[in-house]
Amino acid sequence: MLGSVLVALGFEQTGYPPKKTSKVFWLSSKIGEREADATLLVAPGQAIRFDLGFIGRGNPEITKDKVSRFERDMEINKRQFHSATCIIVDWVGEGSGLEAHAKRANAKVIQMSMSYWPIELAKWLSDKFNHKSDVLHCPTMDLPAFLTKRLDSVSFEHFIRGVTVSEVEED
């Protein structure tokens, strides 16, 4: 799902280590102490580590841990990248304080339960990293058709190629 949205926003999936240093991402990797669900190189020196959190009505401390789990600087192919953190969760309960905690940690929390969360991601990428996506110029009433068209062109099979049944069962 996250890979599809990143492709729809103008990024290209690559393997690790990447040959390019901008507009590329890869899924599931460990750089430093923690594993990320995805790593995105927005531009040379600028990276985002993503963590998906499906916690339901569980312990909000679990999600707060995710906000500060990644190092702010990392090295990829002998190049330094400043890394931001983006946590994508199913929803955030009222009064959790998660948004304020994320802001203090210079991280972003995006809720999938909100309408058009990919647009919120695109806005954050534009504001923080100056990444311009076509979706930001789409009138709100045209968004469903626009996103459907973009996502229809993404091959889900591309993201799971090489994954074996035993690997899926382990997760």
N, C-alpha and C. Protein backbone atom coordinates (compact mmCIF):
# COMPACT_ATOMS: atom_id res chain seq x y z
N MET A 1 0.82 -1.18 0.00
CA MET A 1 0.00 0.00 0.00
C MET A 1 0.87 1.26 0.00
N LEU A 2 1.83 1.35 0.93
CA LEU A 2 2.69 2.53 0.99
C LEU A 2 3.50 2.68 -0.29
N GLY A 3 4.02 1.58 -0.80
CA GLY A 3 4.77 1.63 -2.05
C GLY A 3 3.92 2.16 -3.19
N SER A 4 2.68 1.73 -3.29
CA SER A 4 1.78 2.20 -4.33
C SER A 4 1.56 3.70 -4.23
N VAL A 5 1.36 4.20 -3.01
CA VAL A 5 1.13 5.63 -2.82
C VAL A 5 2.39 6.42 -3.20
N LEU A 6 3.56 5.93 -2.80
CA LEU A 6 4.80 6.64 -3.15
C LEU A 6 5.00 6.69 -4.67
N VAL A 7 4.69 5.61 -5.36
CA VAL A 7 4.78 5.62 -6.83
C VAL A 7 3.79 6.64 -7.39
N ALA A 8 2.57 6.64 -6.87
CA ALA A 8 1.55 7.58 -7.34
C ALA A 8 1.96 9.04 -7.10
N LEU A 9 2.81 9.28 -6.10
CA LEU A 9 3.26 10.64 -5.81
C LEU A 9 4.54 11.01 -6.57
N GLY A 10 5.00 10.11 -7.43
CA GLY A 10 6.13 10.46 -8.31
C GLY A 10 7.48 9.87 -7.94
N PHE A 11 7.49 8.88 -7.06
CA PHE A 11 8.75 8.25 -6.67
C PHE A 11 8.89 6.89 -7.33
N GLU A 12 10.11 6.40 -7.40
CA GLU A 12 10.41 5.14 -8.07
C GLU A 12 10.97 4.15 -7.06
N GLN A 13 10.46 2.92 -7.09
CA GLN A 13 10.99 1.90 -6.20
C GLN A 13 12.34 1.43 -6.73
N THR A 14 13.26 1.20 -5.81
CA THR A 14 14.59 0.73 -6.17
C THR A 14 15.03 -0.29 -5.14
N GLY A 15 16.12 -0.94 -5.41
CA GLY A 15 16.69 -1.85 -4.44
C GLY A 15 17.66 -1.12 -3.54
N TYR A 16 18.10 -1.82 -2.50
CA TYR A 16 19.09 -1.24 -1.60
C TYR A 16 20.40 -1.97 -1.81
N PRO A 17 21.49 -1.28 -1.93
CA PRO A 17 21.65 0.16 -1.89
C PRO A 17 21.24 0.80 -3.22
N PRO A 18 20.67 1.99 -3.15
CA PRO A 18 20.17 2.63 -4.37
C PRO A 18 21.30 3.21 -5.22
N LYS A 19 21.06 3.26 -6.51
CA LYS A 19 22.03 3.90 -7.42
C LYS A 19 21.77 5.40 -7.50
N LYS A 20 20.51 5.80 -7.37
CA LYS A 20 20.14 7.21 -7.42
C LYS A 20 19.98 7.75 -6.00
N THR A 21 20.07 9.06 -5.86
CA THR A 21 19.96 9.67 -4.53
C THR A 21 18.74 10.57 -4.39
N SER A 22 17.84 10.54 -5.36
CA SER A 22 16.63 11.35 -5.22
C SER A 22 15.45 10.67 -5.90
N LYS A 23 14.27 10.92 -5.34
CA LYS A 23 12.99 10.43 -5.85
C LYS A 23 12.94 8.90 -5.97
N VAL A 24 13.60 8.20 -5.03
CA VAL A 24 13.57 6.74 -5.01
C VAL A 24 13.23 6.26 -3.59
N PHE A 25 12.70 5.04 -3.51
CA PHE A 25 12.40 4.44 -2.22
C PHE A 25 12.60 2.94 -2.30
N TRP A 26 12.77 2.33 -1.16
CA TRP A 26 12.79 0.88 -1.05
C TRP A 26 12.01 0.51 0.19
N LEU A 27 11.53 -0.71 0.20
CA LEU A 27 10.69 -1.18 1.29
C LEU A 27 11.51 -2.01 2.27
N SER A 28 11.15 -1.96 3.51
CA SER A 28 11.68 -2.81 4.57
C SER A 28 13.20 -2.94 4.56
N SER A 29 13.85 -2.10 5.34
CA SER A 29 15.30 -2.21 5.48
C SER A 29 15.73 -1.76 6.86
N LYS A 30 16.91 -2.20 7.24
CA LYS A 30 17.46 -1.82 8.53
C LYS A 30 18.73 -1.01 8.27
N ILE A 31 18.67 0.25 8.64
CA ILE A 31 19.84 1.12 8.59
C ILE A 31 19.97 1.66 10.00
N GLY A 32 21.08 1.44 10.63
CA GLY A 32 21.20 1.83 12.03
C GLY A 32 20.58 0.77 12.91
N GLU A 33 19.95 1.20 13.98
CA GLU A 33 19.43 0.27 14.99
C GLU A 33 18.03 -0.28 14.70
N ARG A 34 17.25 0.42 13.87
CA ARG A 34 15.84 0.04 13.70
C ARG A 34 15.50 -0.26 12.25
N GLU A 35 14.54 -1.14 12.09
CA GLU A 35 14.04 -1.45 10.74
C GLU A 35 12.93 -0.47 10.39
N ALA A 36 12.95 -0.01 9.14
CA ALA A 36 11.91 0.89 8.64
C ALA A 36 11.05 0.11 7.65
N ASP A 37 9.77 0.46 7.59
CA ASP A 37 8.89 -0.17 6.61
C ASP A 37 9.18 0.33 5.20
N ALA A 38 9.70 1.54 5.10
CA ALA A 38 10.14 2.10 3.81
C ALA A 38 11.13 3.22 4.10
N THR A 39 12.04 3.42 3.15
CA THR A 39 12.97 4.54 3.20
C THR A 39 12.85 5.26 1.87
N LEU A 40 12.68 6.57 1.94
CA LEU A 40 12.50 7.40 0.74
C LEU A 40 13.63 8.41 0.68
N LEU A 41 14.33 8.47 -0.44
CA LEU A 41 15.32 9.52 -0.68
C LEU A 41 14.62 10.56 -1.53
N VAL A 42 14.29 11.67 -0.92
CA VAL A 42 13.56 12.73 -1.61
C VAL A 42 14.50 13.47 -2.55
N ALA A 43 15.66 13.85 -2.05
CA ALA A 43 16.67 14.58 -2.80
C ALA A 43 18.02 14.24 -2.17
N PRO A 44 19.12 14.56 -2.83
CA PRO A 44 20.42 14.27 -2.20
C PRO A 44 20.50 14.90 -0.80
N GLY A 45 20.82 14.06 0.17
CA GLY A 45 20.93 14.53 1.55
C GLY A 45 19.64 14.55 2.33
N GLN A 46 18.49 14.27 1.71
CA GLN A 46 17.19 14.31 2.39
C GLN A 46 16.49 12.96 2.29
N ALA A 47 16.19 12.38 3.44
CA ALA A 47 15.56 11.07 3.48
C ALA A 47 14.39 11.06 4.46
N ILE A 48 13.51 10.10 4.26
CA ILE A 48 12.40 9.88 5.19
C ILE A 48 12.37 8.39 5.49
N ARG A 49 12.26 8.04 6.75
CA ARG A 49 12.06 6.65 7.16
C ARG A 49 10.60 6.53 7.58
N PHE A 50 9.91 5.54 7.05
CA PHE A 50 8.49 5.33 7.33
C PHE A 50 8.30 4.14 8.26
N ASP A 51 7.35 4.29 9.14
CA ASP A 51 6.94 3.19 10.00
C ASP A 51 5.42 3.14 9.97
N LEU A 52 4.89 1.97 9.70
CA LEU A 52 3.45 1.78 9.70
C LEU A 52 3.04 1.25 11.07
N GLY A 53 1.98 1.80 11.62
CA GLY A 53 1.53 1.37 12.93
C GLY A 53 0.04 1.14 12.96
N PHE A 54 -0.35 -0.11 13.04
CA PHE A 54 -1.76 -0.45 13.13
C PHE A 54 -2.03 -0.87 14.57
N ILE A 55 -2.36 0.11 15.41
CA ILE A 55 -2.48 -0.18 16.84
C ILE A 55 -3.91 -0.20 17.33
N GLY A 56 -4.85 0.21 16.51
CA GLY A 56 -6.24 0.23 16.96
C GLY A 56 -6.39 1.01 18.24
N ARG A 57 -7.11 0.48 19.19
CA ARG A 57 -7.32 1.18 20.46
C ARG A 57 -6.29 0.73 21.50
N GLY A 58 -5.15 0.28 21.02
CA GLY A 58 -4.10 -0.22 21.91
C GLY A 58 -3.37 0.88 22.66
N ASN A 59 -2.23 0.55 23.16
CA ASN A 59 -1.41 1.43 23.97
C ASN A 59 -0.83 2.56 23.13
N PRO A 60 -1.17 3.83 23.42
CA PRO A 60 -0.63 4.94 22.64
C PRO A 60 0.87 5.10 22.81
N GLU A 61 1.45 4.53 23.88
CA GLU A 61 2.90 4.61 24.06
C GLU A 61 3.63 3.88 22.96
N ILE A 62 3.03 2.84 22.38
CA ILE A 62 3.66 2.12 21.28
C ILE A 62 3.89 3.08 20.11
N THR A 63 2.89 3.86 19.77
CA THR A 63 3.02 4.79 18.66
C THR A 63 3.98 5.92 19.01
N LYS A 64 3.97 6.40 20.26
CA LYS A 64 4.90 7.46 20.66
C LYS A 64 6.34 7.00 20.51
N ASP A 65 6.62 5.73 20.78
CA ASP A 65 7.95 5.17 20.58
C ASP A 65 8.36 5.26 19.11
N LYS A 66 7.42 5.05 18.22
CA LYS A 66 7.71 5.08 16.79
C LYS A 66 8.15 6.47 16.33
N VAL A 67 7.66 7.51 16.98
CA VAL A 67 7.98 8.88 16.58
C VAL A 67 9.47 9.16 16.69
N SER A 68 10.13 8.59 17.67
CA SER A 68 11.55 8.90 17.89
C SER A 68 12.47 7.71 17.67
N ARG A 69 12.03 6.73 16.92
CA ARG A 69 12.82 5.50 16.82
C ARG A 69 13.96 5.56 15.83
N PHE A 70 13.94 6.44 14.84
CA PHE A 70 14.98 6.45 13.81
C PHE A 70 16.02 7.53 14.08
N GLU A 71 17.25 7.22 13.68
CA GLU A 71 18.32 8.20 13.77
C GLU A 71 18.03 9.35 12.82
N ARG A 72 18.49 10.54 13.17
CA ARG A 72 18.24 11.71 12.32
C ARG A 72 19.22 11.81 11.16
N ASP A 73 20.35 11.18 11.29
CA ASP A 73 21.34 11.19 10.21
C ASP A 73 21.73 9.76 9.90
N MET A 74 21.92 9.48 8.62
CA MET A 74 22.31 8.14 8.22
C MET A 74 23.21 8.22 6.99
N GLU A 75 23.95 7.15 6.77
CA GLU A 75 24.84 7.08 5.62
C GLU A 75 24.33 6.01 4.67
N ILE A 76 24.23 6.38 3.40
CA ILE A 76 23.82 5.45 2.35
C ILE A 76 24.81 5.63 1.20
N ASN A 77 25.45 4.56 0.78
CA ASN A 77 26.45 4.62 -0.31
C ASN A 77 27.51 5.69 -0.04
N LYS A 78 27.96 5.75 1.20
CA LYS A 78 29.01 6.70 1.60
C LYS A 78 28.59 8.16 1.47
N ARG A 79 27.27 8.40 1.45
CA ARG A 79 26.73 9.76 1.42
C ARG A 79 25.87 9.96 2.65
N GLN A 80 25.95 11.16 3.20
CA GLN A 80 25.18 11.49 4.39
C GLN A 80 23.78 11.98 4.01
N PHE A 81 22.79 11.53 4.76
CA PHE A 81 21.41 11.95 4.59
C PHE A 81 20.85 12.36 5.94
N HIS A 82 20.16 13.50 5.96
CA HIS A 82 19.39 13.89 7.13
C HIS A 82 18.04 13.20 6.98
N SER A 83 17.61 12.52 8.00
CA SER A 83 16.41 11.71 7.91
C SER A 83 15.28 12.25 8.78
N ALA A 84 14.12 12.37 8.18
CA ALA A 84 12.89 12.70 8.91
C ALA A 84 12.12 11.40 9.13
N THR A 85 11.20 11.43 10.07
CA THR A 85 10.39 10.24 10.37
C THR A 85 8.93 10.53 10.04
N CYS A 86 8.30 9.57 9.38
CA CYS A 86 6.87 9.64 9.09
C CYS A 86 6.22 8.34 9.57
N ILE A 87 5.28 8.47 10.47
CA ILE A 87 4.55 7.31 10.97
C ILE A 87 3.15 7.36 10.39
N ILE A 88 2.76 6.29 9.76
CA ILE A 88 1.42 6.19 9.20
C ILE A 88 0.65 5.19 10.04
N VAL A 89 -0.40 5.69 10.67
CA VAL A 89 -1.19 4.87 11.59
C VAL A 89 -2.62 4.76 11.09
N ASP A 90 -3.34 3.78 11.63
CA ASP A 90 -4.73 3.65 11.24
C ASP A 90 -5.55 4.82 11.78
N TRP A 91 -5.35 5.17 13.04
CA TRP A 91 -6.02 6.34 13.60
C TRP A 91 -5.34 6.72 14.91
N VAL A 92 -5.58 7.93 15.34
CA VAL A 92 -5.05 8.43 16.61
C VAL A 92 -6.23 8.82 17.48
N GLY A 93 -6.25 8.30 18.66
CA GLY A 93 -7.34 8.60 19.59
C GLY A 93 -7.29 10.04 20.07
N GLU A 94 -8.46 10.56 20.42
CA GLU A 94 -8.54 11.93 20.96
C GLU A 94 -7.76 12.01 22.26
N GLY A 95 -7.05 13.10 22.42
CA GLY A 95 -6.32 13.34 23.64
C GLY A 95 -5.06 12.50 23.80
N SER A 96 -4.61 11.84 22.74
CA SER A 96 -3.42 10.99 22.86
C SER A 96 -2.14 11.79 23.01
N GLY A 97 -2.13 13.01 22.49
CA GLY A 97 -0.91 13.82 22.54
C GLY A 97 0.12 13.44 21.48
N LEU A 98 -0.23 12.48 20.64
CA LEU A 98 0.72 11.98 19.65
C LEU A 98 1.16 13.06 18.66
N GLU A 99 0.22 13.85 18.18
CA GLU A 99 0.56 14.90 17.21
C GLU A 99 1.58 15.88 17.80
N ALA A 100 1.37 16.30 19.03
CA ALA A 100 2.29 17.23 19.70
C ALA A 100 3.65 16.57 19.92
N HIS A 101 3.64 15.31 20.32
CA HIS A 101 4.89 14.56 20.54
C HIS A 101 5.67 14.46 19.23
N ALA A 102 4.97 14.16 18.14
CA ALA A 102 5.61 14.05 16.83
C ALA A 102 6.21 15.39 16.41
N LYS A 103 5.48 16.46 16.62
CA LYS A 103 5.97 17.79 16.24
C LYS A 103 7.24 18.14 16.99
N ARG A 104 7.28 17.83 18.29
CA ARG A 104 8.49 18.09 19.09
C ARG A 104 9.67 17.27 18.59
N ALA A 105 9.40 16.07 18.07
CA ALA A 105 10.46 15.18 17.58
C ALA A 105 10.76 15.43 16.10
N ASN A 106 10.14 16.46 15.52
CA ASN A 106 10.32 16.79 14.10
C ASN A 106 9.90 15.61 13.20
N ALA A 107 8.84 14.95 13.60
CA ALA A 107 8.31 13.81 12.84
C ALA A 107 6.89 14.15 12.37
N LYS A 108 6.36 13.32 11.50
CA LYS A 108 5.01 13.52 10.98
C LYS A 108 4.20 12.26 11.24
N VAL A 109 2.98 12.44 11.71
CA VAL A 109 2.04 11.34 11.88
C VAL A 109 0.90 11.57 10.91
N ILE A 110 0.59 10.54 10.14
CA ILE A 110 -0.51 10.61 9.17
C ILE A 110 -1.48 9.48 9.49
N GLN A 111 -2.77 9.83 9.56
CA GLN A 111 -3.79 8.84 9.87
C GLN A 111 -4.48 8.35 8.60
N MET A 112 -4.47 7.04 8.39
CA MET A 112 -5.14 6.48 7.22
C MET A 112 -6.65 6.58 7.32
N SER A 113 -7.17 6.78 8.52
CA SER A 113 -8.61 6.90 8.68
C SER A 113 -9.12 8.24 8.17
N MET A 114 -8.23 9.18 7.93
CA MET A 114 -8.62 10.48 7.41
C MET A 114 -8.80 10.38 5.89
N SER A 115 -9.75 11.10 5.38
CA SER A 115 -9.98 11.09 3.94
C SER A 115 -8.74 11.60 3.23
N TYR A 116 -8.36 10.92 2.17
CA TYR A 116 -7.26 11.33 1.31
C TYR A 116 -5.94 11.51 2.05
N TRP A 117 -5.56 10.53 2.86
CA TRP A 117 -4.28 10.62 3.56
C TRP A 117 -3.09 10.73 2.60
N PRO A 118 -3.15 10.16 1.39
CA PRO A 118 -2.02 10.38 0.47
C PRO A 118 -1.83 11.86 0.12
N ILE A 119 -2.91 12.63 0.13
CA ILE A 119 -2.80 14.07 -0.14
C ILE A 119 -2.08 14.76 1.02
N GLU A 120 -2.39 14.34 2.25
CA GLU A 120 -1.70 14.90 3.41
C GLU A 120 -0.20 14.59 3.33
N LEU A 121 0.14 13.38 2.90
CA LEU A 121 1.54 13.02 2.71
C LEU A 121 2.18 13.90 1.64
N ALA A 122 1.48 14.10 0.52
CA ALA A 122 2.01 14.94 -0.56
C ALA A 122 2.22 16.38 -0.09
N LYS A 123 1.30 16.90 0.73
CA LYS A 123 1.45 18.27 1.25
C LYS A 123 2.66 18.37 2.17
N TRP A 124 2.85 17.37 3.02
CA TRP A 124 4.01 17.38 3.91
C TRP A 124 5.31 17.31 3.11
N LEU A 125 5.34 16.46 2.09
CA LEU A 125 6.53 16.36 1.24
C LEU A 125 6.81 17.68 0.54
N SER A 126 5.77 18.39 0.15
CA SER A 126 5.93 19.68 -0.50
C SER A 126 6.44 20.73 0.49
N ASP A 127 5.81 20.79 1.66
CA ASP A 127 6.18 21.80 2.66
C ASP A 127 7.59 21.58 3.21
N LYS A 128 7.91 20.34 3.55
CA LYS A 128 9.17 20.04 4.23
C LYS A 128 10.34 19.85 3.26
N PHE A 129 10.06 19.27 2.08
CA PHE A 129 11.14 18.88 1.18
C PHE A 129 11.05 19.52 -0.20
N ASN A 130 10.03 20.36 -0.40
CA ASN A 130 9.83 21.03 -1.68
C ASN A 130 9.61 20.03 -2.83
N HIS A 131 9.05 18.86 -2.52
CA HIS A 131 8.72 17.88 -3.56
C HIS A 131 7.32 18.21 -4.08
N LYS A 132 7.23 18.49 -5.35
CA LYS A 132 5.94 18.85 -5.96
C LYS A 132 5.34 17.63 -6.63
N SER A 133 4.12 17.34 -6.27
CA SER A 133 3.38 16.23 -6.87
C SER A 133 2.17 16.78 -7.60
N ASP A 134 1.84 16.18 -8.73
CA ASP A 134 0.68 16.60 -9.51
C ASP A 134 -0.62 16.58 -8.70
N VAL A 135 -0.68 15.69 -7.73
CA VAL A 135 -1.91 15.53 -6.95
C VAL A 135 -2.26 16.83 -6.20
N LEU A 136 -1.27 17.65 -5.90
CA LEU A 136 -1.52 18.89 -5.17
C LEU A 136 -2.24 19.94 -6.01
N HIS A 137 -2.24 19.77 -7.32
CA HIS A 137 -2.92 20.71 -8.21
C HIS A 137 -4.28 20.21 -8.67
N CYS A 138 -4.68 19.07 -8.16
CA CYS A 138 -5.94 18.47 -8.57
C CYS A 138 -7.09 19.04 -7.73
N PRO A 139 -8.16 19.51 -8.37
CA PRO A 139 -9.32 19.98 -7.61
C PRO A 139 -9.89 18.84 -6.75
N THR A 140 -10.36 19.17 -5.57
CA THR A 140 -10.86 18.18 -4.63
C THR A 140 -11.91 17.26 -5.26
N MET A 141 -12.80 17.82 -6.06
CA MET A 141 -13.86 16.99 -6.65
C MET A 141 -13.31 15.98 -7.66
N ASP A 142 -12.10 16.22 -8.19
CA ASP A 142 -11.50 15.31 -9.16
C ASP A 142 -10.53 14.31 -8.52
N LEU A 143 -10.30 14.43 -7.21
CA LEU A 143 -9.34 13.57 -6.53
C LEU A 143 -9.64 12.07 -6.64
N PRO A 144 -10.89 11.62 -6.45
CA PRO A 144 -11.12 10.18 -6.55
C PRO A 144 -10.69 9.61 -7.91
N ALA A 145 -11.05 10.28 -8.99
CA ALA A 145 -10.67 9.79 -10.32
C ALA A 145 -9.16 9.88 -10.53
N PHE A 146 -8.57 10.97 -10.06
CA PHE A 146 -7.12 11.17 -10.21
C PHE A 146 -6.36 10.05 -9.49
N LEU A 147 -6.71 9.82 -8.21
CA LEU A 147 -6.01 8.79 -7.45
C LEU A 147 -6.27 7.40 -8.00
N THR A 148 -7.49 7.14 -8.44
CA THR A 148 -7.80 5.84 -9.04
C THR A 148 -6.93 5.60 -10.27
N LYS A 149 -6.82 6.60 -11.11
CA LYS A 149 -6.00 6.47 -12.33
C LYS A 149 -4.54 6.22 -11.96
N ARG A 150 -4.00 6.99 -11.02
CA ARG A 150 -2.60 6.82 -10.61
C ARG A 150 -2.36 5.45 -9.99
N LEU A 151 -3.26 5.03 -9.11
CA LEU A 151 -3.07 3.76 -8.42
C LEU A 151 -3.33 2.57 -9.33
N ASP A 152 -4.20 2.73 -10.32
CA ASP A 152 -4.45 1.64 -11.28
C ASP A 152 -3.20 1.33 -12.10
N SER A 153 -2.33 2.32 -12.27
CA SER A 153 -1.12 2.10 -13.07
C SER A 153 0.01 1.45 -12.27
N VAL A 154 -0.20 1.26 -10.97
CA VAL A 154 0.82 0.66 -10.12
C VAL A 154 0.57 -0.84 -10.02
N SER A 155 1.61 -1.61 -10.23
CA SER A 155 1.50 -3.06 -10.15
C SER A 155 1.82 -3.53 -8.73
N PHE A 156 0.81 -4.01 -8.02
CA PHE A 156 1.00 -4.52 -6.67
C PHE A 156 1.99 -5.69 -6.68
N GLU A 157 1.92 -6.51 -7.71
CA GLU A 157 2.81 -7.66 -7.82
C GLU A 157 4.28 -7.24 -7.82
N HIS A 158 4.55 -6.04 -8.32
CA HIS A 158 5.92 -5.52 -8.35
C HIS A 158 6.50 -5.43 -6.94
N PHE A 159 5.67 -5.12 -5.96
CA PHE A 159 6.16 -4.96 -4.59
C PHE A 159 6.37 -6.27 -3.87
N ILE A 160 5.69 -7.33 -4.30
CA ILE A 160 5.83 -8.60 -3.60
C ILE A 160 6.64 -9.63 -4.38
N ARG A 161 7.17 -9.24 -5.52
CA ARG A 161 8.00 -10.14 -6.31
C ARG A 161 9.16 -10.63 -5.45
N GLY A 162 9.39 -11.92 -5.45
CA GLY A 162 10.50 -12.48 -4.69
C GLY A 162 10.15 -12.83 -3.25
N VAL A 163 8.94 -12.49 -2.80
CA VAL A 163 8.54 -12.85 -1.45
C VAL A 163 7.98 -14.26 -1.47
N THR A 164 8.47 -15.10 -0.58
CA THR A 164 8.00 -16.47 -0.53
C THR A 164 6.87 -16.61 0.48
N VAL A 165 6.11 -17.69 0.37
CA VAL A 165 5.01 -17.94 1.30
C VAL A 165 5.55 -18.06 2.73
N SER A 166 6.69 -18.68 2.91
CA SER A 166 7.23 -18.83 4.27
C SER A 166 7.60 -17.48 4.87
N GLU A 167 8.08 -16.53 4.07
CA GLU A 167 8.38 -15.19 4.58
C GLU A 167 7.10 -14.48 5.02
N VAL A 168 6.02 -14.64 4.27
CA VAL A 168 4.75 -14.02 4.63
C VAL A 168 4.23 -14.64 5.92
N GLU A 169 4.34 -15.95 6.06
CA GLU A 169 3.87 -16.63 7.26
C GLU A 169 4.65 -16.20 8.49
N GLU A 170 5.96 -15.91 8.34
CA GLU A 170 6.80 -15.47 9.46
C GLU A 170 6.34 -14.12 9.97
N ASP A 171 5.93 -13.22 9.06
CA ASP A 171 5.48 -11.88 9.46
C ASP A 171 4.13 -11.98 10.12
